[in-house]
Amino acid sequence: MSTLTEAAVESAVRELTYAEAIREALAIAMEADERVFLFGEDVGVYGGAFGVSGDLVHRFGTERVIDTPISELGIAGAAVGAAITGMKPVLEIQFSDFVTLAMEQIVNQAAKIRFMFGGKAKVPMVVRLPGGSGTGAAAQHSQSLEAWFAHVPGLKVIQPSSPHDAKGMLLSAIDDPNPVLIFEHKLLYKTKGHVPEGDYRVPIGKAAVRREGRDLTIVGSSIMAVRTAAAAQKLAEEGIDAEVIDLRSLRPIDFDTIAASVRKTHRLMVVYEGVKTMGIGAEISAMIAESDAFDFLDAPIVRLGGAEVPLPYNPVLEKAAVPQEEDILAAARRLARGDA
């Protein structure tokens, strides 16, 4: 196993989709450790609701790639039980919205067991959660609920934005002795990127500076990190030099990287798809306000989050309900020019 940060080994890099990168990580982990298994609704013969597990059932058999009944609470409980008895389950919740049915097992059991047993018990389970808007799946299949779980001590919550990070962070999550929730944006599954061959890790809890800048800091994760990076390129053409931070991990959060950037640029905008109120942007804003980085701000912090509505089915309204690239551009221009 190698440990890679932002510099991949060029001689061993190929282009994969986000979904292919996840599948490759699962295969590597399952080949290396017979305790690792994948289960969830339609992950086996069907290959996953979004095609992520693909042919894994043919490679590893039905005892390690397991189709389950439609019972999120039951399969989450099975994952907790398997983890505390020495297995390394990777559970896929078909749509992240359905994790609401499994809250008791994840929040009251998985997150608490290690603490309640004085560190003598471990819960090395991974929950994969396809989520986010943009597919016309309407209010009950399109939410971004990651901030809920970032509020829970005992859980780790990550949001990879690239195929490279999706593979490396999933492998790190499977290694972790604690429960890790991976929120995978559905629009990212078909996106492509350079992915090293073989076994490597991307650390949980470390943000990535995707673009250095001097005029303002823009923080995002998952699909918003992608949209923010694209917006920053257009801002540069207008003479606005934005620093882009891909958060990658919500819990633990890499506050030091954000604070260091704010001290340099003196302006901060946080972009996230979840509902603006009580979202990850509120937490980051509060953390900056409570630190010495606050003294470096030359303008109020800007939060650009989802609208205060259930996500619409209508594609025009759905798009309007979450930040798009043009929204990021408009907000960044106002902040950089002192109009925020």
Protein backbone atom coordinates (compact mmCIF):
# COMPACT_ATOMS: atom_id res chain seq x y z
CA MET A 1 0.00 0.00 0.00
CA SER A 2 1.18 3.52 -0.79
CA THR A 3 0.10 6.77 0.79
CA LEU A 4 -0.65 9.49 -1.77
CA THR A 5 -1.58 13.08 -1.12
CA GLU A 6 -2.21 15.36 -4.09
CA ALA A 7 0.68 14.13 -6.22
CA ALA A 8 -0.21 10.84 -7.92
CA VAL A 9 2.39 8.49 -9.31
CA GLU A 10 2.24 9.51 -12.97
CA SER A 11 3.44 6.20 -14.42
CA ALA A 12 0.53 4.30 -12.88
CA VAL A 13 -2.40 6.64 -13.50
CA ARG A 14 -5.43 5.92 -15.67
CA GLU A 15 -8.70 7.70 -16.28
CA LEU A 16 -11.68 6.18 -14.48
CA THR A 17 -15.17 7.32 -13.67
CA TYR A 18 -16.08 8.06 -10.06
CA ALA A 19 -18.18 4.87 -9.98
CA GLU A 20 -15.35 2.76 -11.42
CA ALA A 21 -12.93 4.17 -8.85
CA ILE A 22 -15.25 3.14 -6.00
CA ARG A 23 -15.66 -0.34 -7.50
CA GLU A 24 -11.89 -0.69 -7.80
CA ALA A 25 -11.42 0.32 -4.16
CA LEU A 26 -14.00 -2.25 -3.07
CA ALA A 27 -12.28 -4.97 -5.09
CA ILE A 28 -8.86 -4.10 -3.67
CA ALA A 29 -10.17 -4.17 -0.11
CA MET A 30 -12.04 -7.43 -0.61
CA GLU A 31 -9.04 -9.12 -2.21
CA ALA A 32 -6.77 -7.98 0.61
CA ASP A 33 -9.04 -8.87 3.54
CA GLU A 34 -11.67 -11.60 3.59
CA ARG A 35 -13.47 -9.77 6.42
CA VAL A 36 -14.56 -7.03 4.00
CA PHE A 37 -17.96 -7.56 2.39
CA LEU A 38 -20.50 -5.41 0.56
CA PHE A 39 -24.22 -5.55 1.13
CA GLY A 40 -27.35 -3.56 0.47
CA GLU A 41 -30.40 -3.37 -1.76
CA ASP A 42 -29.64 -4.48 -5.35
CA VAL A 43 -25.84 -4.38 -4.95
CA GLY A 44 -25.45 -7.95 -6.20
CA VAL A 45 -26.98 -9.30 -9.41
CA TYR A 46 -28.33 -5.90 -10.47
CA GLY A 47 -24.94 -4.27 -9.90
CA GLY A 48 -26.20 -1.45 -7.71
CA ALA A 49 -28.90 1.15 -8.29
CA PHE A 50 -26.30 3.39 -9.93
CA GLY A 51 -24.13 0.60 -11.33
CA VAL A 52 -21.33 1.09 -8.81
CA SER A 53 -20.90 -2.49 -7.61
CA GLY A 54 -21.06 -3.77 -11.19
CA ASP A 55 -19.60 -7.26 -11.55
CA LEU A 56 -18.34 -7.61 -7.98
CA VAL A 57 -20.89 -10.33 -7.22
CA HIS A 58 -19.41 -12.45 -10.01
CA ARG A 59 -15.88 -11.87 -8.75
CA PHE A 60 -16.49 -12.45 -5.03
CA GLY A 61 -19.71 -14.45 -4.86
CA THR A 62 -23.01 -13.97 -3.12
CA GLU A 63 -21.56 -14.56 0.34
CA ARG A 64 -19.51 -11.35 0.11
CA VAL A 65 -21.69 -9.23 -2.20
CA ILE A 66 -25.08 -9.63 -0.60
CA ASP A 67 -28.48 -8.46 -1.81
CA THR A 68 -30.64 -7.53 1.16
CA PRO A 69 -34.34 -7.00 1.82
CA ILE A 70 -35.74 -3.48 1.66
CA SER A 71 -35.15 -2.74 5.34
CA GLU A 72 -32.65 0.01 6.02
CA LEU A 73 -32.96 -0.31 9.79
CA GLY A 74 -32.38 -4.06 9.60
CA ILE A 75 -29.35 -3.93 7.33
CA ALA A 76 -27.79 -1.08 9.31
CA GLY A 77 -28.20 -3.15 12.46
CA ALA A 78 -26.62 -6.12 10.68
CA ALA A 79 -23.67 -3.91 9.75
CA VAL A 80 -23.18 -2.81 13.36
CA GLY A 81 -23.34 -6.39 14.57
CA ALA A 82 -20.92 -7.62 11.92
CA ALA A 83 -18.47 -4.79 12.68
CA ILE A 84 -18.33 -5.32 16.43
CA THR A 85 -17.77 -9.06 15.93
CA GLY A 86 -14.72 -8.60 13.71
CA MET A 87 -16.00 -8.12 10.17
CA LYS A 88 -15.60 -5.04 7.97
CA PRO A 89 -18.98 -4.40 6.36
CA VAL A 90 -19.52 -1.87 3.59
CA LEU A 91 -23.21 -1.01 3.52
CA GLU A 92 -24.85 0.76 0.60
CA ILE A 93 -28.03 2.70 1.29
CA GLN A 94 -29.70 2.93 -2.11
CA PHE A 95 -30.57 6.62 -1.72
CA SER A 96 -29.11 8.64 1.13
CA ASP A 97 -32.62 9.88 2.00
CA PHE A 98 -33.46 6.34 3.19
CA VAL A 99 -30.81 6.54 5.89
CA THR A 100 -33.53 8.23 7.95
CA LEU A 101 -34.93 4.73 8.49
CA ALA A 102 -31.58 3.58 9.90
CA MET A 103 -30.88 6.49 12.24
CA GLU A 104 -31.23 4.47 15.44
CA GLN A 105 -28.57 1.93 14.50
CA ILE A 106 -26.13 4.48 13.07
CA VAL A 107 -26.56 7.30 15.60
CA ASN A 108 -27.41 5.42 18.80
CA GLN A 109 -25.43 2.23 18.23
CA ALA A 110 -22.57 2.57 15.75
CA ALA A 111 -21.57 6.03 16.94
CA LYS A 112 -21.76 5.19 20.65
CA ILE A 113 -20.46 1.65 21.10
CA ARG A 114 -16.73 2.39 21.17
CA PHE A 115 -17.24 5.13 23.76
CA MET A 116 -19.65 3.11 25.92
CA PHE A 117 -17.26 0.15 26.03
CA GLY A 118 -14.29 2.29 27.00
CA GLY A 119 -12.55 1.85 23.66
CA LYS A 120 -12.49 -1.94 23.93
CA ALA A 121 -15.03 -2.40 21.14
CA LYS A 122 -14.54 -1.15 17.58
CA VAL A 123 -17.11 -0.52 14.87
CA PRO A 124 -15.21 -0.66 11.55
CA MET A 125 -18.18 -0.18 9.24
CA VAL A 126 -18.62 1.97 6.15
CA VAL A 127 -21.97 3.34 4.96
CA ARG A 128 -22.07 4.48 1.35
CA LEU A 129 -24.81 7.02 0.64
CA PRO A 130 -25.68 8.15 -2.90
CA GLY A 131 -27.28 11.55 -2.56
CA GLY A 132 -27.85 14.99 -3.93
CA SER A 133 -30.03 16.66 -6.54
CA GLY A 134 -29.86 16.97 -10.30
CA THR A 135 -31.46 13.71 -11.41
CA GLY A 136 -35.12 14.65 -11.22
CA ALA A 137 -35.71 12.24 -8.35
CA ALA A 138 -37.80 14.73 -6.34
CA ALA A 139 -38.03 15.56 -2.66
CA GLN A 140 -37.64 12.10 -1.10
CA HIS A 141 -34.69 10.92 -3.22
CA SER A 142 -32.50 14.01 -3.65
CA GLN A 143 -31.58 15.44 -0.26
CA SER A 144 -28.14 16.31 1.09
CA LEU A 145 -28.22 15.17 4.72
CA GLU A 146 -24.51 15.02 5.53
CA ALA A 147 -24.68 17.86 8.08
CA TRP A 148 -27.05 15.79 10.23
CA PHE A 149 -24.39 13.15 10.77
CA ALA A 150 -21.51 15.61 11.12
CA HIS A 151 -23.30 16.63 14.34
CA VAL A 152 -22.75 13.18 15.88
CA PRO A 153 -19.57 12.41 17.87
CA GLY A 154 -18.34 8.92 17.04
CA LEU A 155 -19.08 9.14 13.32
CA LYS A 156 -16.79 10.23 10.52
CA VAL A 157 -18.40 11.91 7.51
CA ILE A 158 -16.68 12.37 4.14
CA GLN A 159 -17.60 13.70 0.69
CA PRO A 160 -15.06 12.90 -2.04
CA SER A 161 -15.38 15.09 -5.13
CA SER A 162 -13.12 13.24 -7.59
CA PRO A 163 -12.50 9.65 -8.73
CA HIS A 164 -9.00 9.86 -7.20
CA ASP A 165 -10.37 10.80 -3.79
CA ALA A 166 -13.35 8.45 -4.03
CA LYS A 167 -11.01 5.47 -4.30
CA GLY A 168 -8.40 6.62 -1.80
CA MET A 169 -10.89 7.81 0.82
CA LEU A 170 -13.02 4.65 0.58
CA LEU A 171 -9.91 2.55 1.24
CA SER A 172 -9.08 4.78 4.22
CA ALA A 173 -12.65 4.43 5.47
CA ILE A 174 -12.50 0.62 5.30
CA ASP A 175 -9.27 0.71 7.31
CA ASP A 176 -10.78 2.95 9.99
CA PRO A 177 -11.87 1.33 13.27
CA ASN A 178 -14.76 3.79 13.51
CA PRO A 179 -17.98 4.05 11.49
CA VAL A 180 -17.49 6.19 8.38
CA LEU A 181 -20.32 7.63 6.26
CA ILE A 182 -19.44 8.42 2.65
CA PHE A 183 -21.84 10.73 0.85
CA GLU A 184 -21.43 10.15 -2.90
CA HIS A 185 -23.15 12.70 -5.11
CA LYS A 186 -25.15 10.95 -7.82
CA LEU A 187 -24.05 13.45 -10.50
CA LEU A 188 -20.41 12.54 -9.88
CA TYR A 189 -20.71 8.84 -10.69
CA LYS A 190 -20.09 9.32 -14.42
CA THR A 191 -17.45 12.04 -14.09
CA LYS A 192 -13.92 11.00 -15.04
CA GLY A 193 -10.53 11.69 -13.54
CA HIS A 194 -7.02 10.36 -13.14
CA VAL A 195 -6.78 7.49 -10.69
CA PRO A 196 -3.56 5.68 -9.72
CA GLU A 197 -3.45 1.93 -10.06
CA GLY A 198 -3.16 -0.28 -7.03
CA ASP A 199 -3.63 0.39 -3.36
CA TYR A 200 -3.30 3.92 -1.96
CA ARG A 201 -4.94 6.08 0.67
CA VAL A 202 -6.29 9.62 0.84
CA PRO A 203 -6.44 10.67 4.50
CA ILE A 204 -9.74 11.39 6.20
CA GLY A 205 -9.80 14.81 7.86
CA LYS A 206 -7.56 16.63 5.40
CA ALA A 207 -8.91 19.24 2.98
CA ALA A 208 -7.33 19.89 -0.41
CA VAL A 209 -6.44 23.32 -1.80
CA ARG A 210 -7.54 22.89 -5.41
CA ARG A 211 -6.52 26.37 -6.50
CA GLU A 212 -4.45 28.99 -4.73
CA GLY A 213 -5.62 32.58 -4.76
CA ARG A 214 -5.33 35.92 -3.00
CA ASP A 215 -8.71 37.69 -3.26
CA LEU A 216 -11.15 35.34 -1.52
CA THR A 217 -11.48 31.80 -0.20
CA ILE A 218 -14.27 29.54 -1.46
CA VAL A 219 -14.89 26.31 0.45
CA GLY A 220 -16.99 23.47 -0.94
CA SER A 221 -17.20 19.71 -0.98
CA SER A 222 -18.55 16.99 -3.26
CA ILE A 223 -20.30 18.44 -6.34
CA MET A 224 -19.91 21.94 -4.92
CA ALA A 225 -16.13 21.58 -4.93
CA VAL A 226 -16.36 20.79 -8.65
CA ARG A 227 -18.64 23.73 -9.38
CA THR A 228 -16.52 26.05 -7.27
CA ALA A 229 -13.35 25.08 -9.12
CA ALA A 230 -15.05 25.74 -12.46
CA ALA A 231 -16.32 29.10 -11.24
CA ALA A 232 -12.85 30.06 -10.00
CA GLN A 233 -11.43 29.61 -13.49
CA LYS A 234 -13.98 32.06 -14.89
CA LEU A 235 -13.37 34.48 -12.04
CA ALA A 236 -9.66 34.45 -12.88
CA GLU A 237 -10.50 35.65 -16.39
CA GLU A 238 -12.20 38.64 -14.75
CA GLY A 239 -9.20 39.40 -12.56
CA ILE A 240 -10.62 37.83 -9.37
CA ASP A 241 -8.15 35.39 -7.86
CA ALA A 242 -10.10 32.84 -5.79
CA GLU A 243 -8.57 30.20 -3.56
CA VAL A 244 -10.59 26.98 -3.72
CA ILE A 245 -10.67 24.50 -0.85
CA ASP A 246 -12.22 21.07 -1.32
CA LEU A 247 -13.34 20.18 2.19
CA ARG A 248 -13.51 16.40 1.49
CA SER A 249 -14.14 15.60 5.17
CA LEU A 250 -16.91 17.13 7.27
CA ARG A 251 -16.11 15.24 10.44
CA PRO A 252 -13.29 15.55 11.28
CA ILE A 253 -13.04 18.92 9.57
CA ASP A 254 -9.73 20.46 8.51
CA PHE A 255 -10.21 23.87 10.11
CA ASP A 256 -6.51 24.74 9.97
CA THR A 257 -6.46 24.76 6.16
CA ILE A 258 -9.55 26.99 6.02
CA ALA A 259 -8.23 29.40 8.64
CA ALA A 260 -4.83 29.68 6.96
CA SER A 261 -6.54 30.57 3.70
CA VAL A 262 -8.77 33.19 5.33
CA ARG A 263 -5.74 34.84 6.90
CA LYS A 264 -4.31 35.16 3.39
CA THR A 265 -7.36 36.20 1.35
CA HIS A 266 -9.38 38.09 4.03
CA ARG A 267 -12.71 36.91 2.56
CA LEU A 268 -14.62 33.63 2.90
CA MET A 269 -17.52 32.00 1.10
CA VAL A 270 -18.83 28.52 1.90
CA VAL A 271 -20.84 26.68 -0.76
CA TYR A 272 -22.92 23.61 0.03
CA GLU A 273 -25.95 21.83 -1.41
CA GLY A 274 -27.68 21.10 1.89
CA VAL A 275 -30.25 23.55 3.18
CA LYS A 276 -28.50 26.78 4.16
CA THR A 277 -29.92 26.99 7.70
CA MET A 278 -27.92 24.95 10.23
CA GLY A 279 -25.70 23.63 7.43
CA ILE A 280 -21.97 23.03 7.27
CA GLY A 281 -21.50 26.66 6.23
CA ALA A 282 -22.92 27.81 9.56
CA GLU A 283 -20.41 25.65 11.44
CA ILE A 284 -17.43 26.85 9.42
CA SER A 285 -18.55 30.47 9.85
CA ALA A 286 -18.81 30.00 13.61
CA MET A 287 -15.41 28.34 13.80
CA ILE A 288 -13.82 31.28 11.98
CA ALA A 289 -15.70 33.76 14.21
CA GLU A 290 -14.33 32.03 17.32
CA SER A 291 -10.73 32.00 16.08
CA ASP A 292 -8.03 34.56 15.44
CA ALA A 293 -8.77 34.23 11.71
CA PHE A 294 -11.83 36.42 12.31
CA ASP A 295 -9.55 39.42 12.81
CA PHE A 296 -8.29 39.00 9.24
CA LEU A 297 -11.72 39.27 7.60
CA ASP A 298 -12.40 42.36 5.50
CA ALA A 299 -16.01 41.41 4.71
CA PRO A 300 -18.83 39.33 6.22
CA ILE A 301 -18.68 35.59 5.57
CA VAL A 302 -21.00 34.45 2.78
CA ARG A 303 -22.97 31.20 3.00
CA LEU A 304 -24.34 29.89 -0.29
CA GLY A 305 -26.56 26.92 0.47
CA GLY A 306 -29.69 25.13 -0.64
CA ALA A 307 -33.07 26.83 -0.59
CA GLU A 308 -35.46 26.39 2.32
CA VAL A 309 -37.75 24.02 0.39
CA PRO A 310 -38.11 20.30 -0.27
CA LEU A 311 -36.36 19.62 -3.56
CA PRO A 312 -38.79 20.02 -6.48
CA TYR A 313 -39.36 17.44 -9.20
CA ASN A 314 -39.59 20.11 -11.90
CA PRO A 315 -36.07 20.37 -13.39
CA VAL A 316 -36.04 24.17 -13.56
CA LEU A 317 -37.14 24.52 -9.96
CA GLU A 318 -34.79 21.73 -8.83
CA LYS A 319 -31.85 23.56 -10.35
CA ALA A 320 -32.94 26.82 -8.74
CA ALA A 321 -33.10 25.19 -5.31
CA VAL A 322 -29.36 24.45 -5.03
CA PRO A 323 -26.26 26.53 -5.86
CA GLN A 324 -25.19 26.34 -9.48
CA GLU A 325 -21.98 27.61 -11.05
CA GLU A 326 -23.62 30.90 -12.03
CA ASP A 327 -24.77 31.43 -8.44
CA ILE A 328 -21.22 30.88 -7.17
CA LEU A 329 -19.90 33.35 -9.74
CA ALA A 330 -22.40 36.04 -8.77
CA ALA A 331 -21.81 35.64 -5.03
CA ALA A 332 -18.04 35.59 -5.43
CA ARG A 333 -18.07 38.75 -7.53
CA ARG A 334 -20.10 40.58 -4.89
CA LEU A 335 -17.81 39.39 -2.09
CA ALA A 336 -14.58 40.21 -3.92
CA ARG A 337 -15.82 43.66 -4.88
CA GLY A 338 -17.20 44.53 -1.47
CA ASP A 339 -20.88 44.28 -2.37
CA ALA A 340 -21.73 41.21 -0.25
